[in-house]
Protein backbone atom coordinates (compact mmCIF):
# COMPACT_ATOMS: atom_id res chain seq x y z
CA UNK A 1 -25.69 -7.60 -31.01
CA UNK A 2 -23.78 -4.33 -30.79
CA UNK A 3 -20.71 -3.72 -32.92
CA UNK A 4 -17.34 -2.87 -31.39
CA UNK A 5 -17.79 0.81 -32.31
CA UNK A 6 -21.28 0.91 -30.83
CA UNK A 7 -20.03 -0.56 -27.56
CA UNK A 8 -17.20 1.98 -27.46
CA UNK A 9 -19.69 4.81 -27.94
CA UNK A 10 -22.02 3.38 -25.31
CA UNK A 11 -19.25 3.17 -22.73
CA UNK A 12 -18.11 6.70 -23.54
CA UNK A 13 -21.64 7.92 -22.81
CA UNK A 14 -21.81 5.96 -19.54
CA UNK A 15 -19.30 8.21 -17.74
CA UNK A 16 -19.73 7.29 -14.03
CA UNK A 17 -20.02 9.76 -11.18
CA UNK A 18 -16.72 11.19 -9.97
CA UNK A 19 -17.28 9.87 -6.44
CA UNK A 20 -17.64 6.24 -7.51
CA UNK A 21 -15.53 3.87 -5.41
CA UNK A 22 -16.04 0.57 -7.25
CA UNK A 23 -15.89 0.17 -11.02
CA UNK A 24 -16.34 -3.06 -12.97
CA UNK A 25 -16.18 -3.16 -16.76
CA UNK A 26 -17.49 -6.56 -17.83
CA UNK A 27 -17.91 -7.92 -21.35
CA UNK A 28 -16.83 -4.68 -23.02
CA UNK A 29 -15.95 -5.27 -26.70
CA UNK A 30 -14.14 -1.99 -27.38
CA UNK A 31 -10.36 -2.03 -27.85
CA UNK A 32 -9.44 0.89 -25.61
CA UNK A 33 -10.47 2.32 -22.27
CA UNK A 34 -12.92 5.24 -22.51
CA UNK A 35 -11.76 8.85 -22.37
CA UNK A 36 -13.32 9.31 -18.93
CA UNK A 37 -11.00 6.59 -17.57
CA UNK A 38 -8.50 8.93 -15.98
CA UNK A 39 -7.54 9.78 -12.38
CA UNK A 40 -8.92 13.32 -12.49
CA UNK A 41 -12.42 11.92 -13.14
CA UNK A 42 -12.18 8.87 -10.86
CA UNK A 43 -10.57 10.47 -7.83
CA UNK A 44 -12.33 8.25 -5.27
CA UNK A 45 -11.95 4.91 -7.07
CA UNK A 46 -10.84 2.19 -4.65
CA UNK A 47 -11.38 -1.00 -6.64
CA UNK A 48 -11.11 -1.54 -10.41
CA UNK A 49 -12.23 -4.73 -12.16
CA UNK A 50 -11.85 -5.42 -15.88
CA UNK A 51 -13.49 -8.73 -16.80
CA UNK A 52 -14.22 -10.52 -20.08
CA UNK A 53 -13.18 -7.38 -21.96
CA UNK A 54 -11.61 -7.08 -25.42
CA UNK A 55 -9.38 -4.12 -24.61
CA UNK A 56 -5.80 -4.11 -25.91
CA UNK A 57 -4.32 -1.95 -23.15
CA UNK A 58 -5.26 -0.04 -20.00
CA UNK A 59 -4.14 3.55 -20.44
CA UNK A 60 -5.03 7.21 -20.10
CA UNK A 61 -3.59 10.53 -21.19
CA UNK A 62 -1.50 12.78 -18.97
CA UNK A 63 0.63 12.01 -15.94
CA UNK A 64 -2.10 11.78 -13.29
CA UNK A 65 -2.15 8.89 -10.80
CA UNK A 66 -4.91 6.75 -9.31
CA UNK A 67 -4.07 7.67 -5.74
CA UNK A 68 -7.01 5.79 -4.13
CA UNK A 69 -7.04 2.44 -5.94
CA UNK A 70 -6.30 -0.38 -3.52
CA UNK A 71 -7.51 -3.43 -5.48
CA UNK A 72 -6.89 -4.13 -9.17
CA UNK A 73 -8.43 -7.17 -10.88
CA UNK A 74 -7.87 -7.87 -14.57
CA UNK A 75 -9.60 -11.14 -15.45
CA UNK A 76 -10.34 -13.02 -18.66
CA UNK A 77 -9.20 -10.35 -21.11
CA UNK A 78 -7.90 -12.54 -23.97
CA UNK A 79 -6.77 -9.69 -26.27
CA UNK A 80 -4.98 -7.60 -23.67
CA UNK A 81 -1.46 -6.89 -24.89
CA UNK A 82 -0.04 -4.41 -22.38
CA UNK A 83 -0.32 -3.28 -18.78
CA UNK A 84 2.68 -1.02 -19.13
CA UNK A 85 0.86 2.18 -18.16
CA UNK A 86 -1.14 1.07 -15.17
CA UNK A 87 1.40 -1.31 -13.58
CA UNK A 88 3.71 1.44 -12.44
CA UNK A 89 4.27 2.35 -8.80
CA UNK A 90 3.73 6.01 -9.63
CA UNK A 91 0.34 5.22 -11.18
CA UNK A 92 -0.94 3.12 -8.24
CA UNK A 93 0.80 4.39 -5.08
CA UNK A 94 -1.74 2.85 -2.67
CA UNK A 95 -2.25 -0.54 -4.36
CA UNK A 96 -2.57 -3.55 -2.05
CA UNK A 97 -3.98 -6.28 -4.30
CA UNK A 98 -3.09 -7.10 -7.91
CA UNK A 99 -4.83 -10.06 -9.58
CA UNK A 100 -4.28 -10.85 -13.26
CA UNK A 101 -5.87 -14.00 -14.65
CA UNK A 102 -6.33 -15.59 -18.08
CA UNK A 103 -5.00 -12.83 -20.27
CA UNK A 104 -3.53 -15.08 -22.95
CA UNK A 105 -2.22 -12.31 -25.24
CA UNK A 106 -0.34 -10.49 -22.48
CA UNK A 107 3.24 -10.77 -23.64
CA UNK A 108 5.43 -8.60 -21.43
CA UNK A 109 5.77 -7.60 -17.80
CA UNK A 110 8.42 -5.45 -16.16
CA UNK A 111 8.41 -7.59 -13.07
CA UNK A 112 11.05 -5.57 -11.25
CA UNK A 113 8.40 -2.88 -10.77
CA UNK A 114 6.43 -5.06 -8.36
CA UNK A 115 9.18 -4.52 -5.84
CA UNK A 116 8.40 -0.80 -5.81
CA UNK A 117 4.75 -1.24 -4.80
CA UNK A 118 5.50 -0.60 -1.14
CA UNK A 119 1.95 -1.35 0.09
CA UNK A 120 1.31 -4.48 -2.00
CA UNK A 121 -0.06 -7.36 0.09
CA UNK A 122 -1.33 -9.83 -2.52
CA UNK A 123 -0.01 -10.62 -5.99
CA UNK A 124 -1.74 -13.25 -8.12
CA UNK A 125 -0.75 -13.96 -11.73
CA UNK A 126 -2.34 -16.99 -13.30
CA UNK A 127 -2.86 -18.50 -16.74
CA UNK A 128 -1.02 -15.85 -18.73
CA UNK A 129 1.32 -18.31 -20.44
CA UNK A 130 2.87 -15.98 -23.02
CA UNK A 131 4.36 -13.42 -20.65
CA UNK A 132 8.02 -12.56 -21.16
CA UNK A 133 9.56 -11.25 -17.95
CA UNK A 134 12.04 -8.43 -17.59
CA UNK A 135 13.00 -9.26 -14.02
CA UNK A 136 10.89 -10.14 -11.00
CA UNK A 137 11.33 -8.34 -7.68
CA UNK A 138 8.80 -8.60 -4.86
CA UNK A 139 8.13 -6.06 -2.10
CA UNK A 140 8.79 -6.78 1.57
CA UNK A 141 5.15 -5.94 2.28
CA UNK A 142 3.89 -9.00 0.36
CA UNK A 143 1.75 -11.47 2.34
CA UNK A 144 0.35 -13.70 -0.41
CA UNK A 145 1.96 -14.78 -3.69
CA UNK A 146 0.36 -16.93 -6.40
CA UNK A 147 2.22 -17.64 -9.65
CA UNK A 148 0.53 -20.07 -12.04
CA UNK A 149 1.32 -20.79 -15.68
CA UNK A 150 2.56 -17.25 -16.24
CA UNK A 151 5.55 -17.65 -18.51
CA UNK A 152 9.17 -18.47 -17.71
CA UNK A 153 10.13 -17.01 -14.32
CA UNK A 154 12.97 -19.46 -13.74
CA UNK A 155 15.63 -16.73 -13.93
CA UNK A 156 14.06 -15.03 -10.90
CA UNK A 157 13.15 -17.93 -8.62
CA UNK A 158 14.45 -18.37 -5.96
CA UNK A 159 16.11 -14.91 -5.94
CA UNK A 160 12.75 -13.06 -5.78
CA UNK A 161 11.88 -14.96 -2.57
CA UNK A 162 14.83 -13.65 -0.57
CA UNK A 163 13.94 -11.64 2.55
CA UNK A 164 10.16 -11.78 2.10
CA UNK A 165 9.78 -11.51 5.86
CA UNK A 166 5.98 -11.00 5.79
CA UNK A 167 5.02 -13.69 3.27
CA UNK A 168 2.44 -16.09 4.70
CA UNK A 169 0.97 -17.86 1.65
CA UNK A 170 2.76 -18.95 -1.53
CA UNK A 171 1.61 -20.98 -4.53
CA UNK A 172 3.85 -21.98 -7.43
CA UNK A 173 1.80 -23.89 -9.99
CA UNK A 174 2.62 -25.12 -13.49
CA UNK A 175 5.86 -23.18 -13.73
CA UNK A 176 8.32 -24.74 -16.16
CA UNK A 177 12.13 -24.48 -16.02
CA UNK A 178 12.39 -23.78 -12.27
CA UNK A 179 15.08 -26.14 -11.04
CA UNK A 180 15.62 -25.56 -7.33
CA UNK A 181 14.50 -23.72 -4.20
CA UNK A 182 17.30 -24.08 -1.63
CA UNK A 183 16.61 -25.03 1.97
CA UNK A 184 17.83 -21.64 3.22
CA UNK A 185 14.94 -19.91 1.44
CA UNK A 186 12.51 -21.62 3.82
CA UNK A 187 14.67 -21.36 6.94
CA UNK A 188 16.25 -17.91 6.59
CA UNK A 189 14.08 -15.81 4.28
CA UNK A 190 10.42 -16.67 4.88
CA UNK A 191 9.98 -16.54 8.67
CA UNK A 192 6.18 -16.08 8.55
CA UNK A 193 5.36 -18.66 5.87
CA UNK A 194 2.37 -20.83 6.85
CA UNK A 195 1.06 -22.24 3.57
CA UNK A 196 2.82 -23.44 0.43
CA UNK A 197 1.47 -25.11 -2.69
CA UNK A 198 3.92 -26.39 -5.30
CA UNK A 199 2.29 -28.30 -8.12
CA UNK A 200 2.93 -29.23 -11.72
CA UNK A 201 6.47 -27.85 -11.95
CA UNK A 202 8.01 -30.42 -14.32
CA UNK A 203 11.65 -29.33 -14.06
CA UNK A 204 11.84 -28.78 -10.31
CA UNK A 205 14.51 -31.06 -8.83
CA UNK A 206 14.83 -29.86 -5.23
CA UNK A 207 13.14 -27.73 -2.59
CA UNK A 208 15.79 -28.61 -0.02
CA UNK A 209 14.26 -31.92 1.07
CA UNK A 210 11.26 -32.71 3.25
CA UNK A 211 12.95 -31.53 6.46
CA UNK A 212 13.44 -28.03 5.07
CA UNK A 213 9.66 -27.47 4.94
CA UNK A 214 8.57 -29.58 7.92
CA UNK A 215 7.97 -26.45 10.00
CA UNK A 216 5.42 -25.10 7.52
CA UNK A 217 1.91 -25.64 8.86
CA UNK A 218 0.13 -26.22 5.55
CA UNK A 219 2.10 -27.83 2.72
CA UNK A 220 0.86 -29.29 -0.56
CA UNK A 221 3.35 -30.64 -3.10
CA UNK A 222 2.43 -32.82 -6.07
CA UNK A 223 2.94 -33.57 -9.77
CA UNK A 224 6.57 -32.43 -9.88
CA UNK A 225 8.03 -35.34 -11.82
CA UNK A 226 11.75 -34.66 -11.19
CA UNK A 227 11.47 -33.54 -7.57
CA UNK A 228 13.67 -35.50 -5.18
CA UNK A 229 13.89 -35.60 -1.40
CA UNK A 230 10.22 -36.07 -0.51
CA UNK A 231 7.33 -38.39 -1.28
CA UNK A 232 4.54 -36.98 -3.44
CA UNK A 233 1.81 -36.09 -3.02
CA UNK A 234 2.67 -34.30 0.19
CA UNK A 235 -0.41 -33.00 1.96
CA UNK A 236 -0.21 -31.43 5.37
CA UNK A 237 -2.62 -29.15 7.15
């Protein structure tokens, strides 16, 4: 079995071709991204996947941007502490999909930055329970939103859902401290919504009653112990 230093050296030597469009780093035990991980070397990169890696942060030197990356997946990176560098609109101007899953050490997100990703279509944050949020703003371009066990977002829900005129799919799962989603969110702010899943939100008291979501084609609501105004489980579609 290779040591952490040996794996770091091996990845440094790997250095993919500059025209590569898809890059997946899986099972890497080094603590930092390699020196070749920079926009000037990966000019054509469209999709980046970091999976089962031991890295502490995703960063590079200089002020260059990944102008071609559309999809970013960061999955099962239990030691990851920061995404401060890469989760900036200036760093990912073309991003459409951001998926972050099971990064237990991730402790901080500047959520107001999501609102500046003007091309973002899908945002999925799940099983990152230790995240502390500094705001949460979502872009009007968003079509799909999935928030699951990703820290306390109660200060920003329902305000982050206002005027999401293109949102079609939304899942809110295992989110503590959220108390209410008013009826006008569904009727006045989410005109395209077709699918909702609300599950395991122990402090949720109201979503405006069953009539407020009766126009939504696919609705799944369950395991919200304090929720009033509808019978659970609600399964439609």
